[in-house]
Every structure is written in structure tokens, then in C-alpha cells.
Amino acid sequence: MTQDPNTLAAYVVCLDNADYPASLERHKIYKVLPDEEAAADGDIRVIDESGKDYLYSATRFVPIQVPLVVKHSLDEAA
């Protein structure tokens, strides 16, 4: 997932949690935090299972667009 950080998806789905089974769950939606430097390196900053933001390879995720009602629900849960 290499995109302009200004248009980076607010949410992604994890497709690969290899080496990070405690931090990432496959098929789960994660919130993305903008990070231009990380994006330039092919990484993405997400709030993982620890509740903190960490960098992971962007290839582990697929960007998604969620309906507004889902976005509000996800934002409230964070």
C-alpha cells in the first residue's frame, strides 16, 4: 500500500500478521495514523492490539473505505 500520505486511507484491513500474531489479527480493521516518513519507506503506522501506534510494512494491509456510520463507530471505539 503505497499512497500519498495526504490521501492515505483512514482504515486498513490486515491480511498478513506473520511474526506479529499478538500485535495484529488477520482480517481485522485497523486505524491508520498519517506518517509521511513511514509511507516514504513503504511502512504504515497503525494502532495495533496493544492500543498504541506502531509501524508495519504496508504490504501487510489493504486500504478500505468504510461507510460514515462505521467510521464514527470505529472512531468512538478507539
PDB file of N, CA and C in Angstrom:
ATOM      1  N   MET A   1       0.852  -1.176   0.000  1.00  0.00           N
ATOM      2  CA  MET A   1       0.000   0.000   0.000  1.00  0.00           C
ATOM      3  C   MET A   1       0.888   1.227   0.000  1.00  0.00           C
ATOM      4  N   THR A   2       1.235   1.720  -1.131  1.00  0.00           N
ATOM      5  CA  THR A   2       1.995   2.949  -1.191  1.00  0.00           C
ATOM      6  C   THR A   2       1.106   4.023  -1.781  1.00  0.00           C
ATOM      7  N   GLN A   3       0.792   4.999  -0.952  1.00  0.00           N
ATOM      8  CA  GLN A   3      -0.071   6.094  -1.359  1.00  0.00           C
ATOM      9  C   GLN A   3       0.522   7.389  -0.840  1.00  0.00           C
ATOM     10  N   ASP A   4       0.082   8.479  -1.433  1.00  0.00           N
ATOM     11  CA  ASP A   4       0.409   9.791  -0.914  1.00  0.00           C
ATOM     12  C   ASP A   4      -0.129   9.876   0.508  1.00  0.00           C
ATOM     13  N   PRO A   5       0.701  10.244   1.495  1.00  0.00           N
ATOM     14  CA  PRO A   5       0.230  10.288   2.882  1.00  0.00           C
ATOM     15  C   PRO A   5      -0.967  11.204   3.089  1.00  0.00           C
ATOM     16  N   ASN A   6      -1.138  12.189   2.218  1.00  0.00           N
ATOM     17  CA  ASN A   6      -2.275  13.089   2.356  1.00  0.00           C
ATOM     18  C   ASN A   6      -3.589  12.426   1.955  1.00  0.00           C
ATOM     19  N   THR A   7      -3.506  11.322   1.203  1.00  0.00           N
ATOM     20  CA  THR A   7      -4.711  10.623   0.789  1.00  0.00           C
ATOM     21  C   THR A   7      -4.766   9.222   1.386  1.00  0.00           C
ATOM     22  N   LEU A   8      -3.943   8.962   2.355  1.00  0.00           N
ATOM     23  CA  LEU A   8      -3.877   7.652   2.985  1.00  0.00           C
ATOM     24  C   LEU A   8      -5.223   7.272   3.582  1.00  0.00           C
ATOM     25  N   ALA A   9      -5.602   6.036   3.406  1.00  0.00           N
ATOM     26  CA  ALA A   9      -6.869   5.558   3.960  1.00  0.00           C
ATOM     27  C   ALA A   9      -6.856   5.689   5.468  1.00  0.00           C
ATOM     28  N   ALA A  10      -7.996   6.027   6.022  1.00  0.00           N
ATOM     29  CA  ALA A  10      -8.108   6.137   7.474  1.00  0.00           C
ATOM     30  C   ALA A  10      -8.129   4.765   8.123  1.00  0.00           C
ATOM     31  N   TYR A  11      -8.502   3.739   7.355  1.00  0.00           N
ATOM     32  CA  TYR A  11      -8.578   2.382   7.881  1.00  0.00           C
ATOM     33  C   TYR A  11      -8.010   1.386   6.883  1.00  0.00           C
ATOM     34  N   VAL A  12      -7.465   0.315   7.408  1.00  0.00           N
ATOM     35  CA  VAL A  12      -6.929  -0.776   6.600  1.00  0.00           C
ATOM     36  C   VAL A  12      -7.377  -2.094   7.211  1.00  0.00           C
ATOM     37  N   VAL A  13      -7.305  -3.149   6.420  1.00  0.00           N
ATOM     38  CA  VAL A  13      -7.551  -4.499   6.905  1.00  0.00           C
ATOM     39  C   VAL A  13      -6.228  -5.251   6.848  1.00  0.00           C
ATOM     40  N   CYS A  14      -5.909  -5.950   7.917  1.00  0.00           N
ATOM     41  CA  CYS A  14      -4.674  -6.737   7.976  1.00  0.00           C
ATOM     42  C   CYS A  14      -4.871  -8.054   7.235  1.00  0.00           C
ATOM     43  N   LEU A  15      -3.981  -8.341   6.297  1.00  0.00           N
ATOM     44  CA  LEU A  15      -4.016  -9.607   5.579  1.00  0.00           C
ATOM     45  C   LEU A  15      -2.882 -10.531   5.988  1.00  0.00           C
ATOM     46  N   ASP A  16      -1.856  -9.997   6.644  1.00  0.00           N
ATOM     47  CA  ASP A  16      -0.676 -10.794   6.992  1.00  0.00           C
ATOM     48  C   ASP A  16      -0.182 -10.393   8.376  1.00  0.00           C
ATOM     49  N   ASN A  17      -0.324 -11.280   9.341  1.00  0.00           N
ATOM     50  CA  ASN A  17       0.174 -10.992  10.686  1.00  0.00           C
ATOM     51  C   ASN A  17       1.377 -11.863  11.054  1.00  0.00           C
ATOM     52  N   ALA A  18       2.020 -12.471  10.060  1.00  0.00           N
ATOM     53  CA  ALA A  18       3.199 -13.308  10.305  1.00  0.00           C
ATOM     54  C   ALA A  18       4.223 -12.526  11.114  1.00  0.00           C
ATOM     55  N   ASP A  19       4.775 -13.172  12.116  1.00  0.00           N
ATOM     56  CA  ASP A  19       5.762 -12.591  13.036  1.00  0.00           C
ATOM     57  C   ASP A  19       5.151 -11.614  14.046  1.00  0.00           C
ATOM     58  N   TYR A  20       3.871 -11.300  13.935  1.00  0.00           N
ATOM     59  CA  TYR A  20       3.220 -10.364  14.855  1.00  0.00           C
ATOM     60  C   TYR A  20       1.847 -10.869  15.319  1.00  0.00           C
ATOM     61  N   PRO A  21       1.702 -12.147  15.662  1.00  0.00           N
ATOM     62  CA  PRO A  21       0.375 -12.674  15.995  1.00  0.00           C
ATOM     63  C   PRO A  21      -0.253 -12.037  17.235  1.00  0.00           C
ATOM     64  N   ALA A  22       0.549 -11.523  18.151  1.00  0.00           N
ATOM     65  CA  ALA A  22      -0.007 -10.876  19.346  1.00  0.00           C
ATOM     66  C   ALA A  22      -0.371  -9.420  19.080  1.00  0.00           C
ATOM     67  N   SER A  23       0.204  -8.842  18.029  1.00  0.00           N
ATOM     68  CA  SER A  23       0.007  -7.417  17.746  1.00  0.00           C
ATOM     69  C   SER A  23      -1.017  -7.145  16.657  1.00  0.00           C
ATOM     70  N   LEU A  24      -1.153  -8.097  15.726  1.00  0.00           N
ATOM     71  CA  LEU A  24      -2.060  -7.910  14.592  1.00  0.00           C
ATOM     72  C   LEU A  24      -2.934  -9.143  14.424  1.00  0.00           C
ATOM     73  N   GLU A  25      -4.197  -8.925  14.065  1.00  0.00           N
ATOM     74  CA  GLU A  25      -5.113 -10.016  13.762  1.00  0.00           C
ATOM     75  C   GLU A  25      -5.474  -9.950  12.290  1.00  0.00           C
ATOM     76  N   ARG A  26      -5.377 -11.103  11.620  1.00  0.00           N
ATOM     77  CA  ARG A  26      -5.777 -11.145  10.213  1.00  0.00           C
ATOM     78  C   ARG A  26      -7.252 -10.809  10.085  1.00  0.00           C
ATOM     79  N   HIS A  27      -7.569 -10.071   9.054  1.00  0.00           N
ATOM     80  CA  HIS A  27      -8.926  -9.679   8.669  1.00  0.00           C
ATOM     81  C   HIS A  27      -9.553  -8.652   9.611  1.00  0.00           C
ATOM     82  N   LYS A  28      -8.770  -8.085  10.495  1.00  0.00           N
ATOM     83  CA  LYS A  28      -9.288  -7.056  11.395  1.00  0.00           C
ATOM     84  C   LYS A  28      -9.026  -5.674  10.796  1.00  0.00           C
ATOM     85  N   ILE A  29      -9.924  -4.743  11.098  1.00  0.00           N
ATOM     86  CA  ILE A  29      -9.794  -3.358  10.649  1.00  0.00           C
ATOM     87  C   ILE A  29      -8.916  -2.603  11.651  1.00  0.00           C
ATOM     88  N   TYR A  30      -7.933  -1.854  11.130  1.00  0.00           N
ATOM     89  CA  TYR A  30      -7.049  -1.040  11.957  1.00  0.00           C
ATOM     90  C   TYR A  30      -7.090   0.412  11.502  1.00  0.00           C
ATOM     91  N   LYS A  31      -7.012   1.306  12.464  1.00  0.00           N
ATOM     92  CA  LYS A  31      -6.963   2.733  12.177  1.00  0.00           C
ATOM     93  C   LYS A  31      -5.545   3.116  11.781  1.00  0.00           C
ATOM     94  N   VAL A  32      -5.431   3.942  10.757  1.00  0.00           N
ATOM     95  CA  VAL A  32      -4.142   4.416  10.252  1.00  0.00           C
ATOM     96  C   VAL A  32      -3.887   5.824  10.774  1.00  0.00           C
ATOM     97  N   LEU A  33      -2.664   6.062  11.209  1.00  0.00           N
ATOM     98  CA  LEU A  33      -2.238   7.402  11.586  1.00  0.00           C
ATOM     99  C   LEU A  33      -1.285   7.912  10.506  1.00  0.00           C
ATOM    100  N   PRO A  34      -1.485   9.133  10.020  1.00  0.00           N
ATOM    101  CA  PRO A  34      -0.611   9.670   8.972  1.00  0.00           C
ATOM    102  C   PRO A  34       0.845   9.724   9.431  1.00  0.00           C
ATOM    103  N   ASP A  35       1.744   9.296   8.557  1.00  0.00           N
ATOM    104  CA  ASP A  35       3.177   9.333   8.848  1.00  0.00           C
ATOM    105  C   ASP A  35       3.907   9.370   7.508  1.00  0.00           C
ATOM    106  N   GLU A  36       4.255  10.567   7.068  1.00  0.00           N
ATOM    107  CA  GLU A  36       4.890  10.745   5.756  1.00  0.00           C
ATOM    108  C   GLU A  36       6.213   9.996   5.645  1.00  0.00           C
ATOM    109  N   GLU A  37       7.017  10.056   6.684  1.00  0.00           N
ATOM    110  CA  GLU A  37       8.325   9.395   6.653  1.00  0.00           C
ATOM    111  C   GLU A  37       8.157   7.880   6.528  1.00  0.00           C
ATOM    112  N   ALA A  38       7.225   7.320   7.281  1.00  0.00           N
ATOM    113  CA  ALA A  38       6.969   5.879   7.218  1.00  0.00           C
ATOM    114  C   ALA A  38       6.477   5.485   5.830  1.00  0.00           C
ATOM    115  N   ALA A  39       5.543   6.264   5.284  1.00  0.00           N
ATOM    116  CA  ALA A  39       4.991   5.971   3.965  1.00  0.00           C
ATOM    117  C   ALA A  39       6.078   5.995   2.901  1.00  0.00           C
ATOM    118  N   ALA A  40       7.012   6.915   3.023  1.00  0.00           N
ATOM    119  CA  ALA A  40       8.115   7.004   2.062  1.00  0.00           C
ATOM    120  C   ALA A  40       8.989   5.758   2.099  1.00  0.00           C
ATOM    121  N   ASP A  41       9.008   5.086   3.254  1.00  0.00           N
ATOM    122  CA  ASP A  41       9.802   3.863   3.419  1.00  0.00           C
ATOM    123  C   ASP A  41       8.981   2.604   3.154  1.00  0.00           C
ATOM    124  N   GLY A  42       7.714   2.768   2.751  1.00  0.00           N
ATOM    125  CA  GLY A  42       6.866   1.616   2.477  1.00  0.00           C
ATOM    126  C   GLY A  42       6.206   1.030   3.713  1.00  0.00           C
ATOM    127  N   ASP A  43       6.177   1.817   4.776  1.00  0.00           N
ATOM    128  CA  ASP A  43       5.565   1.367   6.025  1.00  0.00           C
ATOM    129  C   ASP A  43       4.269   2.121   6.283  1.00  0.00           C
ATOM    130  N   ILE A  44       3.546   1.644   7.279  1.00  0.00           N
ATOM    131  CA  ILE A  44       2.291   2.268   7.661  1.00  0.00           C
ATOM    132  C   ILE A  44       2.221   2.266   9.188  1.00  0.00           C
ATOM    133  N   ARG A  45       1.678   3.328   9.745  1.00  0.00           N
ATOM    134  CA  ARG A  45       1.537   3.433  11.201  1.00  0.00           C
ATOM    135  C   ARG A  45       0.084   3.131  11.553  1.00  0.00           C
ATOM    136  N   VAL A  46      -0.117   2.056  12.320  1.00  0.00           N
ATOM    137  CA  VAL A  46      -1.467   1.673  12.726  1.00  0.00           C
ATOM    138  C   VAL A  46      -1.532   1.528  14.242  1.00  0.00           C
ATOM    139  N   ILE A  47      -2.734   1.664  14.768  1.00  0.00           N
ATOM    140  CA  ILE A  47      -2.968   1.380  16.174  1.00  0.00           C
ATOM    141  C   ILE A  47      -3.251  -0.112  16.250  1.00  0.00           C
ATOM    142  N   ASP A  48      -2.314  -0.851  16.861  1.00  0.00           N
ATOM    143  CA  ASP A  48      -2.433  -2.302  16.865  1.00  0.00           C
ATOM    144  C   ASP A  48      -3.135  -2.816  18.121  1.00  0.00           C
ATOM    145  N   GLU A  49      -3.019  -4.103  18.396  1.00  0.00           N
ATOM    146  CA  GLU A  49      -3.727  -4.725  19.514  1.00  0.00           C
ATOM    147  C   GLU A  49      -3.276  -4.206  20.875  1.00  0.00           C
ATOM    148  N   SER A  50      -2.100  -3.595  20.948  1.00  0.00           N
ATOM    149  CA  SER A  50      -1.623  -3.036  22.213  1.00  0.00           C
ATOM    150  C   SER A  50      -2.338  -1.733  22.540  1.00  0.00           C
ATOM    151  N   GLY A  51      -3.032  -1.167  21.540  1.00  0.00           N
ATOM    152  CA  GLY A  51      -3.683   0.120  21.718  1.00  0.00           C
ATOM    153  C   GLY A  51      -2.761   1.289  21.435  1.00  0.00           C
ATOM    154  N   LYS A  52      -1.532   0.984  21.033  1.00  0.00           N
ATOM    155  CA  LYS A  52      -0.552   2.019  20.699  1.00  0.00           C
ATOM    156  C   LYS A  52      -0.262   1.954  19.212  1.00  0.00           C
ATOM    157  N   ASP A  53       0.332   3.030  18.689  1.00  0.00           N
ATOM    158  CA  ASP A  53       0.646   3.043  17.268  1.00  0.00           C
ATOM    159  C   ASP A  53       2.050   2.524  17.020  1.00  0.00           C
ATOM    160  N   TYR A  54       2.160   1.673  16.007  1.00  0.00           N
ATOM    161  CA  TYR A  54       3.436   1.090  15.613  1.00  0.00           C
ATOM    162  C   TYR A  54       3.519   1.055  14.097  1.00  0.00           C
ATOM    163  N   LEU A  55       4.750   0.936  13.599  1.00  0.00           N
ATOM    164  CA  LEU A  55       4.987   0.832  12.163  1.00  0.00           C
ATOM    165  C   LEU A  55       5.033  -0.626  11.740  1.00  0.00           C
ATOM    166  N   TYR A  56       4.417  -0.898  10.612  1.00  0.00           N
ATOM    167  CA  TYR A  56       4.461  -2.216   9.988  1.00  0.00           C
ATOM    168  C   TYR A  56       4.618  -1.997   8.488  1.00  0.00           C
ATOM    169  N   SER A  57       5.069  -3.025   7.808  1.00  0.00           N
ATOM    170  CA  SER A  57       5.145  -2.957   6.357  1.00  0.00           C
ATOM    171  C   SER A  57       3.738  -2.771   5.794  1.00  0.00           C
ATOM    172  N   ALA A  58       3.598  -1.826   4.897  1.00  0.00           N
ATOM    173  CA  ALA A  58       2.290  -1.537   4.304  1.00  0.00           C
ATOM    174  C   ALA A  58       1.754  -2.724   3.506  1.00  0.00           C
ATOM    175  N   THR A  59       2.641  -3.629   3.095  1.00  0.00           N
ATOM    176  CA  THR A  59       2.199  -4.787   2.307  1.00  0.00           C
ATOM    177  C   THR A  59       1.356  -5.757   3.132  1.00  0.00           C
ATOM    178  N   ARG A  60       1.343  -5.603   4.437  1.00  0.00           N
ATOM    179  CA  ARG A  60       0.527  -6.463   5.314  1.00  0.00           C
ATOM    180  C   ARG A  60      -0.948  -6.061   5.308  1.00  0.00           C
ATOM    181  N   PHE A  61      -1.257  -4.914   4.724  1.00  0.00           N
ATOM    182  CA  PHE A  61      -2.592  -4.323   4.830  1.00  0.00           C
ATOM    183  C   PHE A  61      -3.165  -3.948   3.471  1.00  0.00           C
ATOM    184  N   VAL A  62      -4.489  -3.818   3.454  1.00  0.00           N
ATOM    185  CA  VAL A  62      -5.196  -3.307   2.283  1.00  0.00           C
ATOM    186  C   VAL A  62      -6.045  -2.137   2.756  1.00  0.00           C
ATOM    187  N   PRO A  63      -5.930  -0.991   2.079  1.00  0.00           N
ATOM    188  CA  PRO A  63      -6.747   0.162   2.484  1.00  0.00           C
ATOM    189  C   PRO A  63      -8.213  -0.084   2.165  1.00  0.00           C
ATOM    190  N   ILE A  64      -9.074   0.426   3.032  1.00  0.00           N
ATOM    191  CA  ILE A  64     -10.513   0.295   2.801  1.00  0.00           C
ATOM    192  C   ILE A  64     -11.193   1.628   3.046  1.00  0.00           C
ATOM    193  N   GLN A  65     -12.353   1.780   2.441  1.00  0.00           N
ATOM    194  CA  GLN A  65     -13.213   2.914   2.735  1.00  0.00           C
ATOM    195  C   GLN A  65     -14.422   2.349   3.454  1.00  0.00           C
ATOM    196  N   VAL A  66     -14.718   2.927   4.591  1.00  0.00           N
ATOM    197  CA  VAL A  66     -15.855   2.446   5.375  1.00  0.00           C
ATOM    198  C   VAL A  66     -16.982   3.472   5.301  1.00  0.00           C
ATOM    199  N   PRO A  67     -18.216   2.999   5.393  1.00  0.00           N
ATOM    200  CA  PRO A  67     -19.340   3.939   5.431  1.00  0.00           C
ATOM    201  C   PRO A  67     -19.198   4.877   6.634  1.00  0.00           C
ATOM    202  N   LEU A  68     -19.743   6.055   6.514  1.00  0.00           N
ATOM    203  CA  LEU A  68     -19.621   7.068   7.551  1.00  0.00           C
ATOM    204  C   LEU A  68     -20.082   6.558   8.910  1.00  0.00           C
ATOM    205  N   VAL A  69     -21.175   5.826   8.962  1.00  0.00           N
ATOM    206  CA  VAL A  69     -21.682   5.318  10.234  1.00  0.00           C
ATOM    207  C   VAL A  69     -20.675   4.345  10.867  1.00  0.00           C
ATOM    208  N   VAL A  70     -19.996   3.557  10.046  1.00  0.00           N
ATOM    209  CA  VAL A  70     -18.974   2.635  10.553  1.00  0.00           C
ATOM    210  C   VAL A  70     -17.762   3.418  11.034  1.00  0.00           C
ATOM    211  N   LYS A  71     -17.355   4.445  10.280  1.00  0.00           N
ATOM    212  CA  LYS A  71     -16.223   5.283  10.678  1.00  0.00           C
ATOM    213  C   LYS A  71     -16.479   5.895  12.048  1.00  0.00           C
ATOM    214  N   HIS A  72     -17.665   6.427  12.265  1.00  0.00           N
ATOM    215  CA  HIS A  72     -17.996   7.028  13.561  1.00  0.00           C
ATOM    216  C   HIS A  72     -17.916   5.984  14.670  1.00  0.00           C
ATOM    217  N   SER A  73     -18.429   4.803  14.403  1.00  0.00           N
ATOM    218  CA  SER A  73     -18.399   3.731  15.400  1.00  0.00           C
ATOM    219  C   SER A  73     -16.962   3.328  15.705  1.00  0.00           C
ATOM    220  N   LEU A  74     -16.132   3.195  14.676  1.00  0.00           N
ATOM    221  CA  LEU A  74     -14.725   2.831  14.890  1.00  0.00           C
ATOM    222  C   LEU A  74     -13.971   3.924  15.638  1.00  0.00           C
ATOM    223  N   ASP A  75     -14.243   5.173  15.295  1.00  0.00           N
ATOM    224  CA  ASP A  75     -13.581   6.295  15.961  1.00  0.00           C
ATOM    225  C   ASP A  75     -13.955   6.343  17.443  1.00  0.00           C
ATOM    226  N   GLU A  76     -15.205   6.052  17.753  1.00  0.00           N
ATOM    227  CA  GLU A  76     -15.639   6.056  19.153  1.00  0.00           C
ATOM    228  C   GLU A  76     -15.013   4.922  19.946  1.00  0.00           C
ATOM    229  N   ALA A  77     -14.755   3.804  19.282  1.00  0.00           N
ATOM    230  CA  ALA A  77     -14.194   2.640  19.946  1.00  0.00           C
ATOM    231  C   ALA A  77     -12.712   2.816  20.251  1.00  0.00           C
ATOM    232  N   ALA A  78     -12.067   3.699  19.530  1.00  0.00           N
ATOM    233  CA  ALA A  78     -10.612   3.874  19.685  1.00  0.00           C
ATOM    234  C   ALA A  78     -10.258   4.618  20.957  1.00  0.00           C
TER     235      ALA A  78
END
